[in-house]
């Protein structure tokens, strides 16, 4: 249950950041996890969890693979 709560909190945080025009980056793209943990000064014996970096981006985000274009909603008009 705890995993689901953390995931919902992360998603809410990322949606709120996007609504404010701020970019977010979930932890799965952080390359060097050990350096990241040293940067936040995690106490000895603690365990890390999911992380989200939030801030102003230097470039537009890349398109997400598999996303459908909203300009042409063919999935609403075509049958299966």
Protein backbone atom coordinates (compact mmCIF):
# COMPACT_ATOMS: atom_id res chain seq x y z
CA UNK A 1 0.00 0.00 0.00
CA UNK A 2 2.87 2.35 0.79
CA UNK A 3 4.27 2.00 -2.76
CA UNK A 4 0.95 3.08 -4.26
CA UNK A 5 0.67 6.09 -1.95
CA UNK A 6 4.19 7.22 -2.87
CA UNK A 7 3.39 6.81 -6.57
CA UNK A 8 0.18 8.83 -6.26
CA UNK A 9 1.96 11.59 -4.35
CA UNK A 10 4.72 11.72 -6.98
CA UNK A 11 2.19 11.89 -9.81
CA UNK A 12 0.24 14.66 -8.08
CA UNK A 13 3.46 16.62 -7.55
CA UNK A 14 4.47 16.22 -11.20
CA UNK A 15 1.00 17.21 -12.48
CA UNK A 16 1.00 20.30 -10.25
CA UNK A 17 4.47 21.30 -11.50
CA UNK A 18 3.36 20.90 -15.12
CA UNK A 19 0.23 22.99 -14.47
CA UNK A 20 2.48 25.77 -13.14
CA UNK A 21 4.71 25.59 -16.23
CA UNK A 22 7.59 24.00 -14.34
CA UNK A 23 9.36 20.91 -15.65
CA UNK A 24 9.78 17.75 -13.61
CA UNK A 25 12.06 14.75 -13.90
CA UNK A 26 11.34 11.49 -12.05
CA UNK A 27 14.23 9.51 -10.58
CA UNK A 28 14.37 6.86 -13.30
CA UNK A 29 16.42 9.23 -15.48
CA UNK A 30 19.01 10.15 -12.86
CA UNK A 31 22.25 8.64 -14.11
CA UNK A 32 24.40 8.58 -10.98
CA UNK A 33 22.22 7.62 -8.03
CA UNK A 34 25.09 7.45 -5.51
CA UNK A 35 26.14 11.05 -6.26
CA UNK A 36 22.51 12.15 -5.97
CA UNK A 37 22.26 10.61 -2.51
CA UNK A 38 25.49 12.30 -1.41
CA UNK A 39 24.14 15.62 -2.68
CA UNK A 40 21.07 15.49 -0.43
CA UNK A 41 23.14 14.34 2.60
CA UNK A 42 21.06 11.27 3.37
CA UNK A 43 21.84 10.14 6.95
CA UNK A 44 23.64 6.81 7.50
CA UNK A 45 21.25 3.90 7.75
CA UNK A 46 18.50 5.69 5.80
CA UNK A 47 17.06 4.31 2.60
CA UNK A 48 16.36 6.35 -0.48
CA UNK A 49 13.01 6.37 -2.18
CA UNK A 50 11.61 7.84 -5.37
CA UNK A 51 12.89 11.32 -6.22
CA UNK A 52 11.52 14.05 -8.45
CA UNK A 53 13.61 16.99 -9.64
CA UNK A 54 11.53 20.12 -10.24
CA UNK A 55 12.67 23.37 -11.83
CA UNK A 56 12.84 25.55 -14.90
CA UNK A 57 14.04 23.65 -17.93
CA UNK A 58 16.73 24.80 -20.30
CA UNK A 59 14.92 23.29 -23.31
CA UNK A 60 11.50 21.95 -24.21
CA UNK A 61 10.89 18.38 -23.05
CA UNK A 62 11.27 15.61 -25.61
CA UNK A 63 8.04 14.03 -26.85
CA UNK A 64 7.08 10.93 -24.93
CA UNK A 65 7.16 7.77 -27.05
CA UNK A 66 3.77 6.25 -27.68
CA UNK A 67 1.82 9.46 -27.09
CA UNK A 68 -1.09 10.09 -29.42
CA UNK A 69 -1.41 13.46 -31.12
CA UNK A 70 -4.37 15.42 -29.77
CA UNK A 71 -4.77 17.34 -33.04
CA UNK A 72 -6.11 14.24 -34.82
CA UNK A 73 -8.17 12.12 -32.41
CA UNK A 74 -8.61 9.17 -34.79
CA UNK A 75 -9.18 6.82 -31.86
CA UNK A 76 -12.47 8.58 -31.10
CA UNK A 77 -13.91 8.23 -34.60
CA UNK A 78 -12.58 4.87 -35.79
CA UNK A 79 -14.10 1.62 -34.62
CA UNK A 80 -12.21 -1.44 -33.52
